[in-house]
Amino acid sequence: MRKFTAVFAALAALFTVSTAQAADLGVWTGPKDNVRVAIKSCGTSTCGTVVYASPKAEADARKSGLTTLVGQQLLRDFEPTSHGNMRGKVFVPTLHVTLIGTAEFIDAHTMKAKGCVLGGLLCKSQTWRRIDTVTAKNDATASFAP
């Protein structure tokens, strides 16, 4: 289940208001605030890069063979779909796979991220929220450099 949750850590950071805002869509965090992703325009699509990971998230990434989680591009090629939602590719570091993910924007600060495996047989959703800062409480080493 922990590995599948990483799908949403990747999705988590996707969108804010409209797709017309291309340059910077902000920083998003999941329910446990263990990963924060900065979402930005990447040419003709939208992408998301990890700007903060908790010590536990970093340890899980190292177990999967990554040196660090911070700096990893988890979201790629996200494009608008219908009703202001988006769809794209999500890299899940703990599984070493890239999946298709979707994001539904409830409002400017709330997003429902959904990812499925096994051809849609097993799906999970999480609610992510937009935040204004990357630095986690009690972690003076976390920072954000756009």
C-alpha atoms as a PDB file:
ATOM      1  CA  MET A   1       0.000   0.000   0.000  1.00  0.00           C
ATOM      2  CA  ARG A   2       2.892   2.363   0.780  1.00  0.00           C
ATOM      3  CA  LYS A   3       4.248   1.927  -2.746  1.00  0.00           C
ATOM      4  CA  PHE A   4       0.861   2.597  -4.273  1.00  0.00           C
ATOM      5  CA  THR A   5       0.571   5.742  -2.160  1.00  0.00           C
ATOM      6  CA  ALA A   6       3.643   7.034  -3.990  1.00  0.00           C
ATOM      7  CA  VAL A   7       1.485   7.246  -7.098  1.00  0.00           C
ATOM      8  CA  PHE A   8      -0.407   9.981  -5.393  1.00  0.00           C
ATOM      9  CA  ALA A   9       2.679  11.636  -4.074  1.00  0.00           C
ATOM     10  CA  ALA A  10       3.500  12.070  -7.682  1.00  0.00           C
ATOM     11  CA  LEU A  11       0.033  13.141  -8.722  1.00  0.00           C
ATOM     12  CA  ALA A  12      -0.405  15.266  -5.745  1.00  0.00           C
ATOM     13  CA  ALA A  13       1.150  18.313  -7.006  1.00  0.00           C
ATOM     14  CA  LEU A  14      -0.688  18.945 -10.146  1.00  0.00           C
ATOM     15  CA  PHE A  15      -2.991  21.758 -10.781  1.00  0.00           C
ATOM     16  CA  THR A  16      -4.507  24.868  -9.470  1.00  0.00           C
ATOM     17  CA  VAL A  17      -7.063  27.069 -11.112  1.00  0.00           C
ATOM     18  CA  SER A  18      -7.078  26.977 -14.892  1.00  0.00           C
ATOM     19  CA  THR A  19      -4.731  25.650 -17.501  1.00  0.00           C
ATOM     20  CA  ALA A  20      -4.351  29.199 -18.774  1.00  0.00           C
ATOM     21  CA  GLN A  21      -1.973  29.764 -15.854  1.00  0.00           C
ATOM     22  CA  ALA A  22       1.004  28.052 -17.405  1.00  0.00           C
ATOM     23  CA  ALA A  23       4.144  29.478 -15.811  1.00  0.00           C
ATOM     24  CA  ASP A  24       3.811  28.375 -12.188  1.00  0.00           C
ATOM     25  CA  LEU A  25       0.998  26.322 -10.697  1.00  0.00           C
ATOM     26  CA  GLY A  26       2.413  26.318  -7.185  1.00  0.00           C
ATOM     27  CA  VAL A  27       3.572  23.774  -4.660  1.00  0.00           C
ATOM     28  CA  TRP A  28       1.275  20.904  -3.681  1.00  0.00           C
ATOM     29  CA  THR A  29       1.382  18.401  -0.830  1.00  0.00           C
ATOM     30  CA  GLY A  30      -0.427  15.176  -0.046  1.00  0.00           C
ATOM     31  CA  PRO A  31      -2.419  14.152   3.018  1.00  0.00           C
ATOM     32  CA  LYS A  32       0.655  13.301   5.120  1.00  0.00           C
ATOM     33  CA  ASP A  33       2.790  16.248   3.920  1.00  0.00           C
ATOM     34  CA  ASN A  34       5.702  13.876   3.269  1.00  0.00           C
ATOM     35  CA  VAL A  35       6.350  15.053  -0.306  1.00  0.00           C
ATOM     36  CA  ARG A  36       5.933  18.478  -1.897  1.00  0.00           C
ATOM     37  CA  VAL A  37       5.922  19.007  -5.645  1.00  0.00           C
ATOM     38  CA  ALA A  38       6.311  22.239  -7.621  1.00  0.00           C
ATOM     39  CA  ILE A  39       4.107  22.233 -10.713  1.00  0.00           C
ATOM     40  CA  LYS A  40       5.145  24.341 -13.679  1.00  0.00           C
ATOM     41  CA  SER A  41       4.794  24.694 -17.389  1.00  0.00           C
ATOM     42  CA  CYS A  42       7.324  22.569 -19.258  1.00  0.00           C
ATOM     43  CA  GLY A  43       7.014  23.785 -22.817  1.00  0.00           C
ATOM     44  CA  THR A  44       3.688  22.663 -24.218  1.00  0.00           C
ATOM     45  CA  SER A  45       2.692  20.558 -21.185  1.00  0.00           C
ATOM     46  CA  THR A  46       2.827  20.654 -17.382  1.00  0.00           C
ATOM     47  CA  CYS A  47       5.329  18.829 -15.178  1.00  0.00           C
ATOM     48  CA  GLY A  48       6.044  18.472 -11.457  1.00  0.00           C
ATOM     49  CA  THR A  49       9.318  18.151  -9.559  1.00  0.00           C
ATOM     50  CA  VAL A  50       9.836  17.150  -5.922  1.00  0.00           C
ATOM     51  CA  VAL A  51      11.071  20.145  -3.897  1.00  0.00           C
ATOM     52  CA  TYR A  52      10.747  18.591  -0.429  1.00  0.00           C
ATOM     53  CA  ALA A  53      10.677  15.029   0.876  1.00  0.00           C
ATOM     54  CA  SER A  54      10.488  13.959   4.510  1.00  0.00           C
ATOM     55  CA  PRO A  55      13.343  11.844   5.886  1.00  0.00           C
ATOM     56  CA  LYS A  56      11.098   8.759   5.640  1.00  0.00           C
ATOM     57  CA  ALA A  57      10.181   9.491   2.006  1.00  0.00           C
ATOM     58  CA  GLU A  58      13.874   9.985   1.200  1.00  0.00           C
ATOM     59  CA  ALA A  59      14.731   6.667   2.908  1.00  0.00           C
ATOM     60  CA  ASP A  60      12.038   4.873   0.878  1.00  0.00           C
ATOM     61  CA  ALA A  61      13.459   6.407  -2.322  1.00  0.00           C
ATOM     62  CA  ARG A  62      16.978   5.247  -1.433  1.00  0.00           C
ATOM     63  CA  LYS A  63      15.675   1.703  -0.849  1.00  0.00           C
ATOM     64  CA  SER A  64      14.340   1.856  -4.411  1.00  0.00           C
ATOM     65  CA  GLY A  65      17.712   2.816  -5.815  1.00  0.00           C
ATOM     66  CA  LEU A  66      17.440   6.595  -6.044  1.00  0.00           C
ATOM     67  CA  THR A  67      20.104   8.801  -4.496  1.00  0.00           C
ATOM     68  CA  THR A  68      17.503  11.387  -3.517  1.00  0.00           C
ATOM     69  CA  LEU A  69      13.824  12.094  -4.102  1.00  0.00           C
ATOM     70  CA  VAL A  70      14.244  15.873  -4.164  1.00  0.00           C
ATOM     71  CA  GLY A  71      14.763  17.005  -7.741  1.00  0.00           C
ATOM     72  CA  GLN A  72      13.015  14.006  -9.299  1.00  0.00           C
ATOM     73  CA  GLN A  73      10.463  14.873 -11.987  1.00  0.00           C
ATOM     74  CA  LEU A  74       7.448  12.809 -10.985  1.00  0.00           C
ATOM     75  CA  LEU A  75       4.854  14.401 -13.273  1.00  0.00           C
ATOM     76  CA  ARG A  76       5.337  14.624 -17.041  1.00  0.00           C
ATOM     77  CA  ASP A  77       3.282  15.542 -20.057  1.00  0.00           C
ATOM     78  CA  PHE A  78       0.169  16.587 -18.144  1.00  0.00           C
ATOM     79  CA  GLU A  79      -2.432  17.986 -20.503  1.00  0.00           C
ATOM     80  CA  PRO A  80      -5.897  19.413 -19.916  1.00  0.00           C
ATOM     81  CA  THR A  81      -8.850  17.107 -20.436  1.00  0.00           C
ATOM     82  CA  SER A  82     -12.510  17.970 -19.937  1.00  0.00           C
ATOM     83  CA  HIS A  83     -13.981  20.150 -17.200  1.00  0.00           C
ATOM     84  CA  GLY A  84     -10.613  21.626 -16.140  1.00  0.00           C
ATOM     85  CA  ASN A  85      -9.093  18.275 -15.200  1.00  0.00           C
ATOM     86  CA  MET A  86      -5.710  16.967 -16.353  1.00  0.00           C
ATOM     87  CA  ARG A  87      -4.105  13.696 -17.397  1.00  0.00           C
ATOM     88  CA  GLY A  88      -0.484  12.686 -17.829  1.00  0.00           C
ATOM     89  CA  LYS A  89       2.392  10.415 -16.842  1.00  0.00           C
ATOM     90  CA  VAL A  90       3.381   9.811 -13.227  1.00  0.00           C
ATOM     91  CA  PHE A  91       6.713   8.254 -12.263  1.00  0.00           C
ATOM     92  CA  VAL A  92       6.452   6.176  -9.077  1.00  0.00           C
ATOM     93  CA  PRO A  93      10.004   5.887  -7.695  1.00  0.00           C
ATOM     94  CA  THR A  94       9.320   3.078  -5.208  1.00  0.00           C
ATOM     95  CA  LEU A  95       7.882   0.892  -7.982  1.00  0.00           C
ATOM     96  CA  HIS A  96      10.158   2.080 -10.809  1.00  0.00           C
ATOM     97  CA  VAL A  97       7.151   2.463 -13.107  1.00  0.00           C
ATOM     98  CA  THR A  98       5.449   5.246 -15.000  1.00  0.00           C
ATOM     99  CA  LEU A  99       1.645   5.231 -14.849  1.00  0.00           C
ATOM    100  CA  ILE A 100      -1.183   7.302 -16.231  1.00  0.00           C
ATOM    101  CA  GLY A 101      -2.659   9.638 -13.635  1.00  0.00           C
ATOM    102  CA  THR A 102      -5.484  12.148 -13.468  1.00  0.00           C
ATOM    103  CA  ALA A 103      -6.230  15.207 -11.396  1.00  0.00           C
ATOM    104  CA  GLU A 104      -9.632  16.734 -10.653  1.00  0.00           C
ATOM    105  CA  PHE A 105      -9.600  20.253  -9.251  1.00  0.00           C
ATOM    106  CA  ILE A 106     -12.190  20.800  -6.586  1.00  0.00           C
ATOM    107  CA  ASP A 107     -11.150  24.444  -6.085  1.00  0.00           C
ATOM    108  CA  ALA A 108      -7.977  26.575  -6.381  1.00  0.00           C
ATOM    109  CA  HIS A 109      -6.395  24.879  -3.344  1.00  0.00           C
ATOM    110  CA  THR A 110      -7.795  21.334  -3.467  1.00  0.00           C
ATOM    111  CA  MET A 111      -7.122  18.559  -5.952  1.00  0.00           C
ATOM    112  CA  LYS A 112      -8.291  14.952  -6.094  1.00  0.00           C
ATOM    113  CA  ALA A 113      -5.494  12.831  -7.552  1.00  0.00           C
ATOM    114  CA  LYS A 114      -6.260   9.377  -8.891  1.00  0.00           C
ATOM    115  CA  GLY A 115      -4.039   6.609 -10.166  1.00  0.00           C
ATOM    116  CA  CYS A 116      -4.695   3.054 -11.248  1.00  0.00           C
ATOM    117  CA  VAL A 117      -2.643  -0.079 -11.801  1.00  0.00           C
ATOM    118  CA  LEU A 118      -3.420  -3.423 -13.416  1.00  0.00           C
ATOM    119  CA  GLY A 119      -5.399  -1.883 -16.252  1.00  0.00           C
ATOM    120  CA  GLY A 120      -7.661   0.079 -13.936  1.00  0.00           C
ATOM    121  CA  LEU A 121      -8.400  -2.862 -11.661  1.00  0.00           C
ATOM    122  CA  LEU A 122      -6.809  -1.296  -8.588  1.00  0.00           C
ATOM    123  CA  CYS A 123      -7.247   2.461  -8.130  1.00  0.00           C
ATOM    124  CA  LYS A 124      -6.574   4.898  -5.334  1.00  0.00           C
ATOM    125  CA  SER A 125      -7.450   8.547  -4.817  1.00  0.00           C
ATOM    126  CA  GLN A 126      -6.025  11.159  -2.485  1.00  0.00           C
ATOM    127  CA  THR A 127      -6.848  14.763  -1.794  1.00  0.00           C
ATOM    128  CA  TRP A 128      -3.902  17.137  -2.204  1.00  0.00           C
ATOM    129  CA  ARG A 129      -3.702  20.777  -1.208  1.00  0.00           C
ATOM    130  CA  ARG A 130      -1.815  23.739  -2.538  1.00  0.00           C
ATOM    131  CA  ILE A 131       0.604  25.321  -0.082  1.00  0.00           C
ATOM    132  CA  ASP A 132       2.638  28.526  -0.105  1.00  0.00           C
ATOM    133  CA  THR A 133       5.855  27.184   1.348  1.00  0.00           C
ATOM    134  CA  VAL A 134       8.131  24.236   0.790  1.00  0.00           C
ATOM    135  CA  THR A 135       9.925  24.238   4.113  1.00  0.00           C
ATOM    136  CA  ALA A 136       8.419  21.665   6.436  1.00  0.00           C
ATOM    137  CA  LYS A 137       7.943  22.480  10.076  1.00  0.00           C
ATOM    138  CA  ASN A 138      10.929  21.380  12.155  1.00  0.00           C
ATOM    139  CA  ASP A 139      13.071  20.913   9.026  1.00  0.00           C
ATOM    140  CA  ALA A 140      15.394  23.837   8.506  1.00  0.00           C
ATOM    141  CA  THR A 141      17.175  22.087   5.610  1.00  0.00           C
ATOM    142  CA  ALA A 142      14.204  21.976   3.247  1.00  0.00           C
ATOM    143  CA  SER A 143      14.106  24.759   0.707  1.00  0.00           C
ATOM    144  CA  PHE A 144      12.609  25.727  -2.622  1.00  0.00           C
ATOM    145  CA  ALA A 145      14.565  27.028  -5.561  1.00  0.00           C
ATOM    146  CA  PRO A 146      12.288  27.395  -8.590  1.00  0.00           C
END
